Amino acid sequence: MKLKLAQNSIFAILLRSSWWISALVALVFLASAQAVSNPLITTFLVFATVPFVVIAIIAAWKQRNIPSAARVERTADAVRAMSWEAFSAMLHEGFSQDGCEVTRLNGGPADFVLRRKGRLAVVGAKRWKASRVGVQALRELNTAREAHDAHEGVYVTTGEVSEPALAYAKANQIRFMSESELARLLPELSR
């Protein structure tokens, strides 16, 4: 049986928050334990810090590769300023370093085919600068996904995704690679 935390429990909220918040709560409990003269309350407060320390460690582990907001913004600015040739070369290199076998496609709605551990994905990246993503571009990518018999489609964007586009993507095995994923894939752009 898998343990599932209630969505709004204090521990679930702390797991979604920055790791240092849980560490701060643990420090408050430890400081309170030092200030209290009753040994029973002191013992309780010391043991009460344990779950918060564990949550801080788990949250830090989960957040270790998540880029900061400043890094995401620097990457997005750099990507928007690039030409297609430079951006596609960076993507090719980033996907390769991420462990994918990359095949560049010429023309059509898909720009790359990625292969990793027997799974295939097609990537559409030419419209990365578009301010809003609509369903038409995703339909074209989905056609390419089906033509290549790929497991999923990946649409690279630095713009806003419309609600109909989100629904279409969810129904057709398409995921979005947004600014935060680009910052993770292309760390050299944010330095």
N, C-alpha and C. Protein backbone atom coordinates (compact mmCIF):
# COMPACT_ATOMS: atom_id res chain seq x y z
N MET A 1 0.84 -1.18 0.00
CA MET A 1 0.00 0.00 0.00
C MET A 1 0.89 1.24 0.00
N LYS A 2 0.64 2.12 -0.93
CA LYS A 2 1.44 3.33 -1.05
C LYS A 2 0.84 4.44 -0.19
N LEU A 3 1.70 5.07 0.61
CA LEU A 3 1.27 6.16 1.47
C LEU A 3 1.04 7.42 0.63
N LYS A 4 -0.10 8.03 0.80
CA LYS A 4 -0.43 9.26 0.07
C LYS A 4 -0.82 10.34 1.07
N LEU A 5 -0.11 11.46 1.02
CA LEU A 5 -0.41 12.58 1.90
C LEU A 5 -1.65 13.31 1.41
N ALA A 6 -2.43 13.80 2.36
CA ALA A 6 -3.57 14.65 2.00
C ALA A 6 -3.03 15.90 1.32
N GLN A 7 -3.71 16.38 0.29
CA GLN A 7 -3.25 17.49 -0.54
C GLN A 7 -2.92 18.74 0.28
N ASN A 8 -3.70 19.04 1.31
CA ASN A 8 -3.50 20.26 2.08
C ASN A 8 -2.94 20.02 3.47
N SER A 9 -2.34 18.85 3.71
CA SER A 9 -1.71 18.63 5.01
C SER A 9 -0.45 19.50 5.08
N ILE A 10 0.00 19.76 6.28
CA ILE A 10 1.17 20.62 6.46
C ILE A 10 2.40 20.02 5.78
N PHE A 11 2.52 18.69 5.83
CA PHE A 11 3.69 18.05 5.21
C PHE A 11 3.61 18.09 3.68
N ALA A 12 2.43 17.93 3.11
CA ALA A 12 2.27 18.02 1.66
C ALA A 12 2.57 19.44 1.18
N ILE A 13 2.12 20.42 1.94
CA ILE A 13 2.39 21.82 1.58
C ILE A 13 3.88 22.10 1.66
N LEU A 14 4.53 21.60 2.72
CA LEU A 14 5.97 21.82 2.87
C LEU A 14 6.77 21.10 1.79
N LEU A 15 6.31 19.94 1.34
CA LEU A 15 7.00 19.24 0.26
C LEU A 15 6.95 20.04 -1.05
N ARG A 16 5.89 20.80 -1.24
CA ARG A 16 5.77 21.62 -2.45
C ARG A 16 6.48 22.97 -2.30
N SER A 17 6.85 23.32 -1.08
CA SER A 17 7.51 24.60 -0.82
C SER A 17 9.02 24.43 -0.89
N SER A 18 9.73 25.54 -0.79
CA SER A 18 11.19 25.48 -0.77
C SER A 18 11.65 24.71 0.45
N TRP A 19 12.74 23.98 0.29
CA TRP A 19 13.24 23.11 1.36
C TRP A 19 13.58 23.88 2.62
N TRP A 20 14.05 25.11 2.46
CA TRP A 20 14.52 25.86 3.62
C TRP A 20 13.38 26.24 4.57
N ILE A 21 12.14 26.24 4.09
CA ILE A 21 11.01 26.54 4.97
C ILE A 21 10.86 25.45 6.02
N SER A 22 10.96 24.19 5.60
CA SER A 22 10.90 23.07 6.55
C SER A 22 12.07 23.12 7.52
N ALA A 23 13.25 23.46 7.00
CA ALA A 23 14.42 23.56 7.87
C ALA A 23 14.24 24.68 8.89
N LEU A 24 13.63 25.78 8.48
CA LEU A 24 13.37 26.89 9.39
C LEU A 24 12.40 26.48 10.50
N VAL A 25 11.35 25.73 10.15
CA VAL A 25 10.40 25.24 11.16
C VAL A 25 11.12 24.34 12.16
N ALA A 26 12.00 23.47 11.65
CA ALA A 26 12.77 22.59 12.54
C ALA A 26 13.65 23.41 13.48
N LEU A 27 14.28 24.46 12.96
CA LEU A 27 15.12 25.31 13.80
C LEU A 27 14.31 26.04 14.87
N VAL A 28 13.10 26.46 14.52
CA VAL A 28 12.23 27.11 15.51
C VAL A 28 11.90 26.13 16.63
N PHE A 29 11.59 24.89 16.27
CA PHE A 29 11.31 23.88 17.31
C PHE A 29 12.54 23.63 18.19
N LEU A 30 13.72 23.55 17.58
CA LEU A 30 14.93 23.34 18.37
C LEU A 30 15.23 24.53 19.28
N ALA A 31 15.04 25.74 18.78
CA ALA A 31 15.25 26.92 19.61
C ALA A 31 14.26 26.96 20.76
N SER A 32 13.02 26.57 20.48
CA SER A 32 12.00 26.51 21.53
C SER A 32 12.36 25.47 22.58
N ALA A 33 12.92 24.35 22.13
CA ALA A 33 13.33 23.30 23.07
C ALA A 33 14.42 23.81 24.01
N GLN A 34 15.29 24.66 23.50
CA GLN A 34 16.35 25.23 24.33
C GLN A 34 15.80 26.23 25.35
N ALA A 35 14.73 26.92 24.97
CA ALA A 35 14.17 27.96 25.82
C ALA A 35 13.25 27.42 26.91
N VAL A 36 12.72 26.22 26.72
CA VAL A 36 11.76 25.65 27.67
C VAL A 36 12.53 24.92 28.77
N SER A 37 12.06 25.09 30.01
CA SER A 37 12.74 24.44 31.13
C SER A 37 12.14 23.08 31.48
N ASN A 38 10.94 22.77 31.04
CA ASN A 38 10.30 21.50 31.33
C ASN A 38 10.91 20.41 30.44
N PRO A 39 11.52 19.37 31.04
CA PRO A 39 12.19 18.33 30.24
C PRO A 39 11.23 17.55 29.33
N LEU A 40 9.98 17.37 29.75
CA LEU A 40 9.02 16.65 28.93
C LEU A 40 8.70 17.43 27.65
N ILE A 41 8.50 18.73 27.78
CA ILE A 41 8.21 19.57 26.61
C ILE A 41 9.45 19.68 25.72
N THR A 42 10.63 19.78 26.36
CA THR A 42 11.87 19.83 25.60
C THR A 42 12.03 18.58 24.75
N THR A 43 11.79 17.42 25.34
CA THR A 43 11.89 16.15 24.61
C THR A 43 10.89 16.11 23.45
N PHE A 44 9.66 16.54 23.74
CA PHE A 44 8.64 16.57 22.68
C PHE A 44 9.08 17.46 21.52
N LEU A 45 9.58 18.66 21.83
CA LEU A 45 9.99 19.59 20.77
C LEU A 45 11.17 19.06 19.95
N VAL A 46 12.10 18.39 20.63
CA VAL A 46 13.25 17.82 19.91
C VAL A 46 12.77 16.75 18.93
N PHE A 47 11.88 15.87 19.40
CA PHE A 47 11.37 14.82 18.51
C PHE A 47 10.43 15.39 17.44
N ALA A 48 9.79 16.50 17.72
CA ALA A 48 8.90 17.12 16.73
C ALA A 48 9.68 17.71 15.56
N THR A 49 10.96 17.96 15.75
CA THR A 49 11.78 18.49 14.65
C THR A 49 12.07 17.44 13.58
N VAL A 50 12.06 16.17 13.97
CA VAL A 50 12.46 15.09 13.05
C VAL A 50 11.67 15.09 11.74
N PRO A 51 10.32 15.11 11.78
CA PRO A 51 9.61 15.10 10.50
C PRO A 51 9.92 16.31 9.62
N PHE A 52 10.16 17.45 10.24
CA PHE A 52 10.46 18.65 9.46
C PHE A 52 11.86 18.57 8.83
N VAL A 53 12.79 17.96 9.54
CA VAL A 53 14.13 17.74 8.97
C VAL A 53 14.03 16.77 7.79
N VAL A 54 13.26 15.70 7.97
CA VAL A 54 13.07 14.72 6.89
C VAL A 54 12.42 15.39 5.67
N ILE A 55 11.38 16.18 5.91
CA ILE A 55 10.70 16.88 4.81
C ILE A 55 11.67 17.85 4.13
N ALA A 56 12.50 18.54 4.90
CA ALA A 56 13.48 19.47 4.31
C ALA A 56 14.45 18.72 3.40
N ILE A 57 14.90 17.54 3.84
CA ILE A 57 15.83 16.74 3.04
C ILE A 57 15.15 16.25 1.76
N ILE A 58 13.94 15.74 1.88
CA ILE A 58 13.20 15.26 0.70
C ILE A 58 12.95 16.40 -0.28
N ALA A 59 12.50 17.55 0.24
CA ALA A 59 12.22 18.69 -0.63
C ALA A 59 13.50 19.19 -1.31
N ALA A 60 14.61 19.23 -0.57
CA ALA A 60 15.88 19.66 -1.16
C ALA A 60 16.30 18.70 -2.27
N TRP A 61 16.12 17.40 -2.04
CA TRP A 61 16.48 16.40 -3.05
C TRP A 61 15.64 16.58 -4.31
N LYS A 62 14.35 16.79 -4.14
CA LYS A 62 13.46 16.97 -5.30
C LYS A 62 13.76 18.27 -6.04
N GLN A 63 14.21 19.29 -5.33
CA GLN A 63 14.42 20.61 -5.91
C GLN A 63 15.84 20.84 -6.40
N ARG A 64 16.71 19.85 -6.28
CA ARG A 64 18.12 20.05 -6.58
C ARG A 64 18.39 20.46 -8.03
N ASN A 65 17.58 20.01 -8.98
CA ASN A 65 17.81 20.34 -10.39
C ASN A 65 16.83 21.37 -10.94
N ILE A 66 16.00 21.91 -10.10
CA ILE A 66 15.03 22.91 -10.56
C ILE A 66 15.73 24.27 -10.64
N PRO A 67 15.73 24.88 -11.82
CA PRO A 67 16.41 26.17 -11.95
C PRO A 67 15.66 27.28 -11.23
N SER A 68 16.41 28.25 -10.76
CA SER A 68 15.81 29.39 -10.07
C SER A 68 15.04 30.26 -11.07
N ALA A 69 14.19 31.11 -10.55
CA ALA A 69 13.40 32.02 -11.40
C ALA A 69 14.32 32.95 -12.20
N ALA A 70 15.39 33.40 -11.58
CA ALA A 70 16.33 34.29 -12.28
C ALA A 70 17.02 33.54 -13.42
N ARG A 71 17.39 32.30 -13.16
CA ARG A 71 18.04 31.49 -14.20
C ARG A 71 17.08 31.22 -15.36
N VAL A 72 15.82 30.94 -15.04
CA VAL A 72 14.80 30.71 -16.07
C VAL A 72 14.64 31.97 -16.92
N GLU A 73 14.58 33.12 -16.28
CA GLU A 73 14.41 34.39 -17.00
C GLU A 73 15.61 34.69 -17.91
N ARG A 74 16.83 34.45 -17.39
CA ARG A 74 18.03 34.67 -18.22
C ARG A 74 18.03 33.75 -19.43
N THR A 75 17.66 32.49 -19.21
CA THR A 75 17.61 31.53 -20.32
C THR A 75 16.56 31.94 -21.34
N ALA A 76 15.37 32.33 -20.87
CA ALA A 76 14.30 32.74 -21.79
C ALA A 76 14.72 33.94 -22.62
N ASP A 77 15.36 34.91 -21.98
CA ASP A 77 15.82 36.10 -22.72
C ASP A 77 16.86 35.72 -23.77
N ALA A 78 17.80 34.85 -23.39
CA ALA A 78 18.84 34.42 -24.33
C ALA A 78 18.25 33.64 -25.50
N VAL A 79 17.30 32.76 -25.21
CA VAL A 79 16.68 31.94 -26.25
C VAL A 79 15.87 32.81 -27.22
N ARG A 80 15.15 33.78 -26.70
CA ARG A 80 14.34 34.65 -27.56
C ARG A 80 15.21 35.50 -28.49
N ALA A 81 16.44 35.78 -28.07
CA ALA A 81 17.34 36.61 -28.87
C ALA A 81 18.09 35.80 -29.93
N MET A 82 17.99 34.48 -29.91
CA MET A 82 18.74 33.62 -30.83
C MET A 82 18.07 33.50 -32.19
N SER A 83 18.91 33.21 -33.17
CA SER A 83 18.39 32.83 -34.49
C SER A 83 17.99 31.36 -34.44
N TRP A 84 17.22 30.92 -35.44
CA TRP A 84 16.80 29.51 -35.47
C TRP A 84 18.02 28.59 -35.55
N GLU A 85 19.01 28.95 -36.35
CA GLU A 85 20.19 28.09 -36.50
C GLU A 85 20.91 27.90 -35.17
N ALA A 86 21.11 29.00 -34.44
CA ALA A 86 21.79 28.92 -33.14
C ALA A 86 20.95 28.15 -32.13
N PHE A 87 19.66 28.43 -32.09
CA PHE A 87 18.78 27.76 -31.13
C PHE A 87 18.70 26.26 -31.41
N SER A 88 18.55 25.88 -32.68
CA SER A 88 18.44 24.46 -32.99
C SER A 88 19.75 23.73 -32.68
N ALA A 89 20.88 24.39 -32.89
CA ALA A 89 22.17 23.78 -32.54
C ALA A 89 22.28 23.58 -31.03
N MET A 90 21.82 24.57 -30.26
CA MET A 90 21.85 24.45 -28.79
C MET A 90 20.93 23.32 -28.33
N LEU A 91 19.73 23.25 -28.91
CA LEU A 91 18.80 22.17 -28.55
C LEU A 91 19.40 20.80 -28.87
N HIS A 92 19.98 20.67 -30.06
CA HIS A 92 20.60 19.41 -30.47
C HIS A 92 21.64 18.99 -29.44
N GLU A 93 22.51 19.92 -29.07
CA GLU A 93 23.55 19.64 -28.09
C GLU A 93 22.96 19.31 -26.72
N GLY A 94 21.95 20.08 -26.30
CA GLY A 94 21.31 19.84 -25.00
C GLY A 94 20.65 18.48 -24.93
N PHE A 95 19.92 18.10 -25.97
CA PHE A 95 19.28 16.78 -25.99
C PHE A 95 20.33 15.67 -25.98
N SER A 96 21.42 15.86 -26.72
CA SER A 96 22.49 14.86 -26.75
C SER A 96 23.11 14.70 -25.37
N GLN A 97 23.40 15.81 -24.70
CA GLN A 97 23.99 15.75 -23.36
C GLN A 97 23.02 15.17 -22.34
N ASP A 98 21.73 15.26 -22.63
CA ASP A 98 20.71 14.71 -21.74
C ASP A 98 20.52 13.21 -21.95
N GLY A 99 21.28 12.62 -22.86
CA GLY A 99 21.24 11.17 -23.05
C GLY A 99 20.38 10.70 -24.20
N CYS A 100 19.98 11.60 -25.07
CA CYS A 100 19.14 11.22 -26.22
C CYS A 100 20.00 11.06 -27.47
N GLU A 101 19.57 10.13 -28.31
CA GLU A 101 20.12 10.04 -29.66
C GLU A 101 19.25 10.98 -30.50
N VAL A 102 19.87 11.97 -31.11
CA VAL A 102 19.13 13.04 -31.79
C VAL A 102 19.29 12.94 -33.30
N THR A 103 18.17 12.97 -34.00
CA THR A 103 18.16 13.02 -35.46
C THR A 103 17.46 14.32 -35.87
N ARG A 104 18.16 15.11 -36.67
CA ARG A 104 17.59 16.38 -37.14
C ARG A 104 16.72 16.11 -38.37
N LEU A 105 15.55 16.70 -38.39
CA LEU A 105 14.64 16.58 -39.53
C LEU A 105 14.66 17.89 -40.31
N ASN A 106 14.53 17.80 -41.60
CA ASN A 106 14.51 19.00 -42.44
C ASN A 106 13.11 19.21 -42.98
N GLY A 107 12.51 20.32 -42.61
CA GLY A 107 11.17 20.64 -43.09
C GLY A 107 10.10 19.95 -42.28
N GLY A 108 8.89 20.43 -42.41
CA GLY A 108 7.78 19.84 -41.68
C GLY A 108 7.63 20.41 -40.29
N PRO A 109 6.62 19.96 -39.57
CA PRO A 109 6.34 20.51 -38.24
C PRO A 109 7.29 20.01 -37.15
N ALA A 110 7.96 18.89 -37.38
CA ALA A 110 8.89 18.36 -36.39
C ALA A 110 10.31 18.70 -36.81
N ASP A 111 11.14 19.02 -35.83
CA ASP A 111 12.51 19.43 -36.12
C ASP A 111 13.54 18.38 -35.70
N PHE A 112 13.19 17.57 -34.70
CA PHE A 112 14.10 16.53 -34.21
C PHE A 112 13.31 15.28 -33.89
N VAL A 113 14.00 14.15 -33.99
CA VAL A 113 13.49 12.90 -33.44
C VAL A 113 14.46 12.50 -32.34
N LEU A 114 13.94 12.25 -31.15
CA LEU A 114 14.76 11.85 -30.01
C LEU A 114 14.51 10.38 -29.72
N ARG A 115 15.59 9.65 -29.43
CA ARG A 115 15.46 8.25 -29.06
C ARG A 115 16.23 8.05 -27.74
N ARG A 116 15.52 7.50 -26.78
CA ARG A 116 16.16 7.20 -25.50
C ARG A 116 15.48 5.98 -24.90
N LYS A 117 16.29 4.99 -24.58
CA LYS A 117 15.81 3.76 -23.95
C LYS A 117 14.64 3.15 -24.72
N GLY A 118 14.75 3.12 -26.03
CA GLY A 118 13.72 2.51 -26.86
C GLY A 118 12.48 3.35 -27.09
N ARG A 119 12.42 4.51 -26.50
CA ARG A 119 11.25 5.39 -26.69
C ARG A 119 11.60 6.47 -27.70
N LEU A 120 10.61 6.84 -28.47
CA LEU A 120 10.79 7.82 -29.54
C LEU A 120 9.93 9.04 -29.27
N ALA A 121 10.49 10.22 -29.51
CA ALA A 121 9.74 11.47 -29.38
C ALA A 121 10.09 12.37 -30.55
N VAL A 122 9.09 13.09 -31.05
CA VAL A 122 9.35 14.11 -32.06
C VAL A 122 9.26 15.47 -31.38
N VAL A 123 10.14 16.37 -31.80
CA VAL A 123 10.21 17.69 -31.18
C VAL A 123 9.91 18.76 -32.22
N GLY A 124 8.99 19.63 -31.90
CA GLY A 124 8.69 20.80 -32.72
C GLY A 124 9.20 22.03 -32.00
N ALA A 125 10.16 22.73 -32.61
CA ALA A 125 10.79 23.86 -31.91
C ALA A 125 10.83 25.14 -32.73
N LYS A 126 10.48 25.10 -34.00
CA LYS A 126 10.64 26.29 -34.86
C LYS A 126 9.83 27.49 -34.40
N ARG A 127 8.74 27.26 -33.70
CA ARG A 127 7.88 28.38 -33.26
C ARG A 127 8.15 28.73 -31.79
N TRP A 128 9.38 28.55 -31.35
CA TRP A 128 9.71 28.77 -29.94
C TRP A 128 9.48 30.20 -29.48
N LYS A 129 9.51 31.16 -30.40
CA LYS A 129 9.34 32.57 -30.02
C LYS A 129 7.89 33.03 -30.04
N ALA A 130 6.97 32.19 -30.50
CA ALA A 130 5.56 32.60 -30.59
C ALA A 130 5.04 32.97 -29.20
N SER A 131 4.30 34.07 -29.13
CA SER A 131 3.82 34.54 -27.83
C SER A 131 2.66 33.70 -27.31
N ARG A 132 1.97 32.99 -28.20
CA ARG A 132 0.83 32.16 -27.78
C ARG A 132 0.79 30.90 -28.64
N VAL A 133 0.59 29.77 -27.98
CA VAL A 133 0.53 28.48 -28.67
C VAL A 133 -0.93 28.09 -28.85
N GLY A 134 -1.28 27.80 -30.09
CA GLY A 134 -2.64 27.37 -30.40
C GLY A 134 -2.67 25.91 -30.81
N VAL A 135 -3.85 25.43 -31.13
CA VAL A 135 -4.05 24.02 -31.45
C VAL A 135 -3.47 23.64 -32.81
N GLN A 136 -3.48 24.55 -33.78
CA GLN A 136 -3.04 24.21 -35.14
C GLN A 136 -1.60 23.68 -35.16
N ALA A 137 -0.70 24.35 -34.47
CA ALA A 137 0.69 23.90 -34.43
C ALA A 137 0.80 22.51 -33.79
N LEU A 138 -0.02 22.25 -32.79
CA LEU A 138 0.00 20.95 -32.12
C LEU A 138 -0.58 19.86 -33.02
N ARG A 139 -1.57 20.19 -33.82
CA ARG A 139 -2.12 19.22 -34.78
C ARG A 139 -1.03 18.79 -35.77
N GLU A 140 -0.28 19.77 -36.24
CA GLU A 140 0.80 19.46 -37.18
C GLU A 140 1.86 18.58 -36.52
N LEU A 141 2.21 18.90 -35.28
CA LEU A 141 3.19 18.09 -34.56
C LEU A 141 2.65 16.68 -34.31
N ASN A 142 1.38 16.58 -34.00
CA ASN A 142 0.78 15.27 -33.76
C ASN A 142 0.79 14.43 -35.04
N THR A 143 0.58 15.05 -36.18
CA THR A 143 0.66 14.34 -37.46
C THR A 143 2.07 13.79 -37.66
N ALA A 144 3.08 14.60 -37.34
CA ALA A 144 4.47 14.14 -37.44
C ALA A 144 4.74 13.03 -36.43
N ARG A 145 4.19 13.14 -35.23
CA ARG A 145 4.36 12.10 -34.21
C ARG A 145 3.82 10.77 -34.71
N GLU A 146 2.62 10.81 -35.29
CA GLU A 146 2.01 9.59 -35.82
C GLU A 146 2.80 9.05 -37.01
N ALA A 147 3.30 9.93 -37.87
CA ALA A 147 4.07 9.49 -39.04
C ALA A 147 5.37 8.80 -38.64
N HIS A 148 5.97 9.24 -37.55
CA HIS A 148 7.22 8.64 -37.07
C HIS A 148 6.96 7.52 -36.06
N ASP A 149 5.68 7.25 -35.79
CA ASP A 149 5.29 6.23 -34.82
C ASP A 149 5.98 6.47 -33.46
N ALA A 150 6.01 7.75 -33.07
CA ALA A 150 6.67 8.15 -31.83
C ALA A 150 5.71 8.03 -30.64
N HIS A 151 6.28 7.81 -29.47
CA HIS A 151 5.49 7.69 -28.24
C HIS A 151 4.91 9.03 -27.80
N GLU A 152 5.66 10.11 -28.06
CA GLU A 152 5.18 11.42 -27.64
C GLU A 152 5.70 12.51 -28.56
N GLY A 153 5.06 13.65 -28.47
CA GLY A 153 5.51 14.86 -29.14
C GLY A 153 5.94 15.86 -28.08
N VAL A 154 6.95 16.64 -28.39
CA VAL A 154 7.43 17.68 -27.48
C VAL A 154 7.38 19.00 -28.25
N TYR A 155 6.67 19.96 -27.69
CA TYR A 155 6.54 21.27 -28.33
C TYR A 155 7.31 22.29 -27.50
N VAL A 156 8.33 22.88 -28.10
CA VAL A 156 9.18 23.85 -27.41
C VAL A 156 8.57 25.24 -27.56
N THR A 157 8.40 25.92 -26.43
CA THR A 157 7.79 27.25 -26.47
C THR A 157 8.31 28.13 -25.33
N THR A 158 8.37 29.42 -25.62
CA THR A 158 8.63 30.41 -24.56
C THR A 158 7.39 31.28 -24.36
N GLY A 159 6.32 30.91 -25.01
CA GLY A 159 5.08 31.69 -24.94
C GLY A 159 4.03 31.04 -24.07
N GLU A 160 2.88 31.67 -24.07
CA GLU A 160 1.73 31.20 -23.30
C GLU A 160 1.00 30.11 -24.09
N VAL A 161 0.52 29.11 -23.39
CA VAL A 161 -0.21 28.01 -24.03
C VAL A 161 -1.70 28.21 -23.77
N SER A 162 -2.49 28.21 -24.83
CA SER A 162 -3.94 28.41 -24.69
C SER A 162 -4.60 27.18 -24.06
N GLU A 163 -5.76 27.38 -23.47
CA GLU A 163 -6.50 26.27 -22.86
C GLU A 163 -6.83 25.17 -23.87
N PRO A 164 -7.35 25.52 -25.07
CA PRO A 164 -7.61 24.47 -26.05
C PRO A 164 -6.34 23.69 -26.43
N ALA A 165 -5.20 24.39 -26.49
CA ALA A 165 -3.94 23.72 -26.82
C ALA A 165 -3.54 22.76 -25.70
N LEU A 166 -3.73 23.18 -24.45
CA LEU A 166 -3.43 22.28 -23.32
C LEU A 166 -4.29 21.02 -23.39
N ALA A 167 -5.56 21.19 -23.67
CA ALA A 167 -6.47 20.04 -23.76
C ALA A 167 -6.08 19.13 -24.92
N TYR A 168 -5.75 19.71 -26.06
CA TYR A 168 -5.34 18.91 -27.22
C TYR A 168 -4.06 18.15 -26.92
N ALA A 169 -3.09 18.82 -26.29
CA ALA A 169 -1.82 18.17 -25.96
C ALA A 169 -2.03 17.00 -25.01
N LYS A 170 -2.85 17.19 -24.02
CA LYS A 170 -3.12 16.13 -23.05
C LYS A 170 -3.76 14.91 -23.71
N ALA A 171 -4.63 15.15 -24.67
CA ALA A 171 -5.34 14.06 -25.34
C ALA A 171 -4.48 13.36 -26.40
N ASN A 172 -3.35 13.96 -26.78
CA ASN A 172 -2.57 13.43 -27.91
C ASN A 172 -1.09 13.19 -27.60
N GLN A 173 -0.75 12.90 -26.37
CA GLN A 173 0.63 12.56 -25.97
C GLN A 173 1.64 13.63 -26.40
N ILE A 174 1.27 14.88 -26.20
CA ILE A 174 2.19 15.98 -26.49
C ILE A 174 2.45 16.71 -25.18
N ARG A 175 3.72 16.97 -24.91
CA ARG A 175 4.05 17.75 -23.73
C ARG A 175 4.80 19.01 -24.17
N PHE A 176 4.79 19.98 -23.29
CA PHE A 176 5.42 21.26 -23.60
C PHE A 176 6.77 21.35 -22.92
N MET A 177 7.75 21.86 -23.64
CA MET A 177 9.04 22.19 -23.06
C MET A 177 9.05 23.71 -22.97
N SER A 178 8.82 24.20 -21.76
CA SER A 178 8.71 25.64 -21.54
C SER A 178 10.04 26.20 -21.05
N GLU A 179 10.00 27.43 -20.61
CA GLU A 179 11.22 28.14 -20.20
C GLU A 179 11.99 27.41 -19.10
N SER A 180 11.29 26.86 -18.11
CA SER A 180 12.00 26.19 -17.01
C SER A 180 12.70 24.92 -17.49
N GLU A 181 12.07 24.17 -18.39
CA GLU A 181 12.72 22.98 -18.94
C GLU A 181 13.90 23.36 -19.83
N LEU A 182 13.76 24.46 -20.57
CA LEU A 182 14.87 24.94 -21.38
C LEU A 182 16.05 25.36 -20.50
N ALA A 183 15.77 25.97 -19.36
CA ALA A 183 16.84 26.37 -18.44
C ALA A 183 17.57 25.14 -17.90
N ARG A 184 16.84 24.06 -17.66
CA ARG A 184 17.47 22.83 -17.20
C ARG A 184 18.27 22.18 -18.32
N LEU A 185 17.73 22.18 -19.54
CA LEU A 185 18.38 21.53 -20.68
C LEU A 185 19.58 22.32 -21.19
N LEU A 186 19.52 23.64 -21.08
CA LEU A 186 20.56 24.52 -21.62
C LEU A 186 21.18 25.38 -20.52
N PRO A 187 21.85 24.77 -19.55
CA PRO A 187 22.35 25.54 -18.40
C PRO A 187 23.39 26.59 -18.76
N GLU A 188 24.10 26.40 -19.87
CA GLU A 188 25.14 27.36 -20.25
C GLU A 188 24.58 28.72 -20.64
N LEU A 189 23.29 28.79 -20.97
CA LEU A 189 22.68 30.06 -21.36
C LEU A 189 22.42 30.98 -20.18
N SER A 190 22.36 30.45 -18.99
CA SER A 190 21.97 31.27 -17.84
C SER A 190 23.16 31.66 -16.97
N ARG A 191 24.34 31.43 -17.45
CA ARG A 191 25.52 31.76 -16.64
C ARG A 191 25.94 33.19 -16.85
